[in-house]
Amino acid sequence: MAGYPPTIVVRSPKENPKKCSILPLKGREDMLFFNYPLTRSFDWTRYVRLAPDAPELSDADAERGLLLIDGSWRWAATMSDDFLVAEPRSLQAFATAYPRVSKLGTDPREGLATIEALYLAYRILGRSTLGLLEHYRWADEFLRKNGLS
């Protein structure tokens, strides 16, 4: 395996698995999936947590693991409180292709689907993106919108 810790995805139990953009990646060697609340402990100082309003993710973070909180924006904010020791990093100036509409108006306009955030983070960190978007219905639109195709 590579010289960095595995990517950890912590999923909200309130999320519908049928609408989950990242669940098809479960079973990959470089990723671990857990339901929230997490019952296992990790050394979060070796991780960066993708979060809005944080310093931008860069290749300087390449040796660290990624922590992704997978849930609605409302639940993700609450869940993140349990992982504050993992330094936050953001993905700025990217557009989502995921066609969602929050009933409560809690989705940030620039909010990405979890699979989109993972793809961009792996690109920035110099990790292989092979197969990440294979099952993502809006992959072509996402890549086009962000000048990545």
C-alpha atoms as a PDB file:
ATOM      1  CA  MET A   1       0.000   0.000   0.000  1.00  0.00           C
ATOM      2  CA  ALA A   2       1.003   3.641  -0.477  1.00  0.00           C
ATOM      3  CA  GLY A   3       2.890   5.689   2.110  1.00  0.00           C
ATOM      4  CA  TYR A   4      -0.226   7.348   3.499  1.00  0.00           C
ATOM      5  CA  PRO A   5      -3.039   6.101   5.757  1.00  0.00           C
ATOM      6  CA  PRO A   6      -6.230   4.796   4.126  1.00  0.00           C
ATOM      7  CA  THR A   7      -9.047   7.186   3.313  1.00  0.00           C
ATOM      8  CA  ILE A   8     -11.765   6.961   5.953  1.00  0.00           C
ATOM      9  CA  VAL A   9     -15.393   7.640   5.105  1.00  0.00           C
ATOM     10  CA  VAL A  10     -17.741   8.113   8.045  1.00  0.00           C
ATOM     11  CA  ARG A  11     -21.369   7.826   6.908  1.00  0.00           C
ATOM     12  CA  SER A  12     -24.449   9.197   8.557  1.00  0.00           C
ATOM     13  CA  PRO A  13     -26.978   6.447   9.363  1.00  0.00           C
ATOM     14  CA  LYS A  14     -29.678   8.874   8.183  1.00  0.00           C
ATOM     15  CA  GLU A  15     -28.434   8.809   4.585  1.00  0.00           C
ATOM     16  CA  ASN A  16     -30.247   6.711   2.003  1.00  0.00           C
ATOM     17  CA  PRO A  17     -27.709   4.174   0.619  1.00  0.00           C
ATOM     18  CA  LYS A  18     -29.458   4.317  -2.781  1.00  0.00           C
ATOM     19  CA  LYS A  19     -28.578   8.020  -3.083  1.00  0.00           C
ATOM     20  CA  CYS A  20     -25.015   7.617  -1.811  1.00  0.00           C
ATOM     21  CA  SER A  21     -22.419   8.611  -4.399  1.00  0.00           C
ATOM     22  CA  ILE A  22     -19.447   7.027  -2.640  1.00  0.00           C
ATOM     23  CA  LEU A  23     -20.843   3.697  -1.423  1.00  0.00           C
ATOM     24  CA  PRO A  24     -19.949   1.852  -4.665  1.00  0.00           C
ATOM     25  CA  LEU A  25     -16.277   2.268  -3.612  1.00  0.00           C
ATOM     26  CA  LYS A  26     -16.753   0.197  -0.474  1.00  0.00           C
ATOM     27  CA  GLY A  27     -14.249  -2.655  -0.493  1.00  0.00           C
ATOM     28  CA  ARG A  28     -11.384  -0.712  -2.107  1.00  0.00           C
ATOM     29  CA  GLU A  29      -8.029  -1.440  -0.489  1.00  0.00           C
ATOM     30  CA  ASP A  30      -7.265   2.256   0.053  1.00  0.00           C
ATOM     31  CA  MET A  31     -10.583   3.081   1.787  1.00  0.00           C
ATOM     32  CA  LEU A  32     -12.354   2.234   5.022  1.00  0.00           C
ATOM     33  CA  PHE A  33     -16.078   2.865   5.581  1.00  0.00           C
ATOM     34  CA  PHE A  34     -17.689   3.314   8.987  1.00  0.00           C
ATOM     35  CA  ASN A  35     -21.108   4.327  10.213  1.00  0.00           C
ATOM     36  CA  TYR A  36     -21.512   7.262  12.555  1.00  0.00           C
ATOM     37  CA  PRO A  37     -21.002   7.359  15.474  1.00  0.00           C
ATOM     38  CA  LEU A  38     -17.573   5.824  15.132  1.00  0.00           C
ATOM     39  CA  THR A  39     -16.761   3.141  17.707  1.00  0.00           C
ATOM     40  CA  ARG A  40     -13.137   2.641  16.636  1.00  0.00           C
ATOM     41  CA  SER A  41     -10.363   5.115  17.402  1.00  0.00           C
ATOM     42  CA  PHE A  42      -7.762   6.453  14.990  1.00  0.00           C
ATOM     43  CA  ASP A  43      -4.780   8.764  15.245  1.00  0.00           C
ATOM     44  CA  TRP A  44      -6.571  11.692  13.630  1.00  0.00           C
ATOM     45  CA  THR A  45      -3.387  13.791  13.725  1.00  0.00           C
ATOM     46  CA  ARG A  46      -2.290  11.759  10.678  1.00  0.00           C
ATOM     47  CA  TYR A  47      -5.433  12.836   8.782  1.00  0.00           C
ATOM     48  CA  VAL A  48      -6.942  15.878   7.139  1.00  0.00           C
ATOM     49  CA  ARG A  49     -10.705  16.293   7.183  1.00  0.00           C
ATOM     50  CA  LEU A  50     -12.394  17.744   4.132  1.00  0.00           C
ATOM     51  CA  ALA A  51     -14.473  20.692   5.283  1.00  0.00           C
ATOM     52  CA  PRO A  52     -15.753  23.988   3.882  1.00  0.00           C
ATOM     53  CA  ASP A  53     -14.191  27.247   5.100  1.00  0.00           C
ATOM     54  CA  ALA A  54     -10.760  25.801   5.814  1.00  0.00           C
ATOM     55  CA  PRO A  55      -7.271  26.167   4.360  1.00  0.00           C
ATOM     56  CA  GLU A  56      -7.078  24.673   0.894  1.00  0.00           C
ATOM     57  CA  LEU A  57      -5.963  21.065   0.413  1.00  0.00           C
ATOM     58  CA  SER A  58      -2.562  20.895  -1.287  1.00  0.00           C
ATOM     59  CA  ASP A  59       0.185  18.482  -2.223  1.00  0.00           C
ATOM     60  CA  ALA A  60       1.774  19.353   1.150  1.00  0.00           C
ATOM     61  CA  ASP A  61      -0.914  17.055   2.637  1.00  0.00           C
ATOM     62  CA  ALA A  62       0.064  14.092   0.418  1.00  0.00           C
ATOM     63  CA  GLU A  63       1.456  11.969   3.280  1.00  0.00           C
ATOM     64  CA  ARG A  64      -1.710  12.288   5.363  1.00  0.00           C
ATOM     65  CA  GLY A  65      -4.881  10.267   5.255  1.00  0.00           C
ATOM     66  CA  LEU A  66      -8.209  11.726   4.177  1.00  0.00           C
ATOM     67  CA  LEU A  67     -11.282  11.809   6.372  1.00  0.00           C
ATOM     68  CA  LEU A  68     -14.588  12.336   4.597  1.00  0.00           C
ATOM     69  CA  ILE A  69     -17.827  12.923   6.467  1.00  0.00           C
ATOM     70  CA  ASP A  70     -20.670  11.566   4.317  1.00  0.00           C
ATOM     71  CA  GLY A  71     -24.072  12.949   5.128  1.00  0.00           C
ATOM     72  CA  SER A  72     -26.396  15.836   4.380  1.00  0.00           C
ATOM     73  CA  TRP A  73     -24.768  19.206   4.986  1.00  0.00           C
ATOM     74  CA  ARG A  74     -26.826  19.626   8.136  1.00  0.00           C
ATOM     75  CA  TRP A  75     -25.751  16.252   9.582  1.00  0.00           C
ATOM     76  CA  ALA A  76     -22.163  16.538   8.363  1.00  0.00           C
ATOM     77  CA  ALA A  77     -21.697  19.730  10.353  1.00  0.00           C
ATOM     78  CA  THR A  78     -22.847  17.984  13.532  1.00  0.00           C
ATOM     79  CA  MET A  79     -20.803  14.844  12.815  1.00  0.00           C
ATOM     80  CA  SER A  80     -17.639  16.886  12.193  1.00  0.00           C
ATOM     81  CA  ASP A  81     -17.630  17.980  15.830  1.00  0.00           C
ATOM     82  CA  ASP A  82     -16.363  14.495  16.726  1.00  0.00           C
ATOM     83  CA  PHE A  83     -13.343  14.834  14.414  1.00  0.00           C
ATOM     84  CA  LEU A  84     -12.050  18.336  15.102  1.00  0.00           C
ATOM     85  CA  VAL A  85      -8.550  17.023  15.863  1.00  0.00           C
ATOM     86  CA  ALA A  86      -8.185  16.101  12.168  1.00  0.00           C
ATOM     87  CA  GLU A  87      -7.030  19.329  10.522  1.00  0.00           C
ATOM     88  CA  PRO A  88      -9.662  20.707   8.128  1.00  0.00           C
ATOM     89  CA  ARG A  89      -8.890  21.275   4.460  1.00  0.00           C
ATOM     90  CA  SER A  90     -11.137  22.627   1.745  1.00  0.00           C
ATOM     91  CA  LEU A  91     -11.632  22.188  -1.966  1.00  0.00           C
ATOM     92  CA  GLN A  92     -12.253  25.615  -3.434  1.00  0.00           C
ATOM     93  CA  ALA A  93     -13.549  26.850  -6.767  1.00  0.00           C
ATOM     94  CA  PHE A  94     -15.104  23.563  -7.901  1.00  0.00           C
ATOM     95  CA  ALA A  95     -18.689  22.977  -8.991  1.00  0.00           C
ATOM     96  CA  THR A  96     -20.897  19.995  -8.258  1.00  0.00           C
ATOM     97  CA  ALA A  97     -22.859  18.127 -10.886  1.00  0.00           C
ATOM     98  CA  TYR A  98     -25.007  16.329  -8.311  1.00  0.00           C
ATOM     99  CA  PRO A  99     -28.629  17.489  -8.757  1.00  0.00           C
ATOM    100  CA  ARG A 100     -29.759  17.908  -5.190  1.00  0.00           C
ATOM    101  CA  VAL A 101     -32.153  20.300  -3.574  1.00  0.00           C
ATOM    102  CA  SER A 102     -32.210  20.714   0.181  1.00  0.00           C
ATOM    103  CA  LYS A 103     -35.688  20.986   1.632  1.00  0.00           C
ATOM    104  CA  LEU A 104     -34.209  23.112   4.429  1.00  0.00           C
ATOM    105  CA  GLY A 105     -31.910  25.242   2.270  1.00  0.00           C
ATOM    106  CA  THR A 106     -28.816  23.957   4.084  1.00  0.00           C
ATOM    107  CA  ASP A 107     -26.712  22.919   1.070  1.00  0.00           C
ATOM    108  CA  PRO A 108     -23.976  25.400   0.257  1.00  0.00           C
ATOM    109  CA  ARG A 109     -24.070  26.471  -3.393  1.00  0.00           C
ATOM    110  CA  GLU A 110     -20.532  25.204  -3.950  1.00  0.00           C
ATOM    111  CA  GLY A 111     -21.073  22.000  -1.943  1.00  0.00           C
ATOM    112  CA  LEU A 112     -19.710  18.871  -3.600  1.00  0.00           C
ATOM    113  CA  ALA A 113     -21.021  15.322  -3.520  1.00  0.00           C
ATOM    114  CA  THR A 114     -18.731  13.095  -1.449  1.00  0.00           C
ATOM    115  CA  ILE A 115     -17.486  11.225  -4.534  1.00  0.00           C
ATOM    116  CA  GLU A 116     -16.671  14.527  -6.235  1.00  0.00           C
ATOM    117  CA  ALA A 117     -14.718  15.712  -3.194  1.00  0.00           C
ATOM    118  CA  LEU A 118     -12.832  12.420  -3.038  1.00  0.00           C
ATOM    119  CA  TYR A 119     -11.929  12.572  -6.730  1.00  0.00           C
ATOM    120  CA  LEU A 120     -10.643  16.149  -6.462  1.00  0.00           C
ATOM    121  CA  ALA A 121      -8.716  15.406  -3.264  1.00  0.00           C
ATOM    122  CA  TYR A 122      -7.005  12.391  -4.822  1.00  0.00           C
ATOM    123  CA  ARG A 123      -6.065  14.492  -7.866  1.00  0.00           C
ATOM    124  CA  ILE A 124      -4.609  17.258  -5.698  1.00  0.00           C
ATOM    125  CA  LEU A 125      -2.703  14.763  -3.542  1.00  0.00           C
ATOM    126  CA  GLY A 126      -1.288  12.923  -6.560  1.00  0.00           C
ATOM    127  CA  ARG A 127      -3.186   9.692  -5.866  1.00  0.00           C
ATOM    128  CA  SER A 128      -4.688   7.476  -8.518  1.00  0.00           C
ATOM    129  CA  THR A 129      -8.223   8.432  -9.487  1.00  0.00           C
ATOM    130  CA  LEU A 130      -8.667   5.295 -11.586  1.00  0.00           C
ATOM    131  CA  GLY A 131     -12.180   3.901 -11.129  1.00  0.00           C
ATOM    132  CA  LEU A 132     -13.349   6.521  -8.633  1.00  0.00           C
ATOM    133  CA  LEU A 133     -16.031   7.959 -10.896  1.00  0.00           C
ATOM    134  CA  GLU A 134     -16.903   4.686 -12.622  1.00  0.00           C
ATOM    135  CA  HIS A 135     -20.306   4.369 -10.926  1.00  0.00           C
ATOM    136  CA  TYR A 136     -21.034   8.090 -10.600  1.00  0.00           C
ATOM    137  CA  ARG A 137     -23.983   8.940 -12.819  1.00  0.00           C
ATOM    138  CA  TRP A 138     -22.960  12.602 -13.246  1.00  0.00           C
ATOM    139  CA  ALA A 139     -19.217  11.988 -13.753  1.00  0.00           C
ATOM    140  CA  ASP A 140     -19.021  13.431 -17.281  1.00  0.00           C
ATOM    141  CA  GLU A 141     -20.915  16.575 -16.285  1.00  0.00           C
ATOM    142  CA  PHE A 142     -18.761  16.982 -13.154  1.00  0.00           C
ATOM    143  CA  LEU A 143     -15.517  16.659 -15.117  1.00  0.00           C
ATOM    144  CA  ARG A 144     -16.766  19.043 -17.815  1.00  0.00           C
ATOM    145  CA  LYS A 145     -17.961  21.694 -15.346  1.00  0.00           C
ATOM    146  CA  ASN A 146     -14.541  21.695 -13.685  1.00  0.00           C
ATOM    147  CA  GLY A 147     -12.414  21.580 -16.835  1.00  0.00           C
ATOM    148  CA  LEU A 148     -11.099  18.116 -15.960  1.00  0.00           C
ATOM    149  CA  SER A 149     -12.284  16.096 -18.970  1.00  0.00           C
END
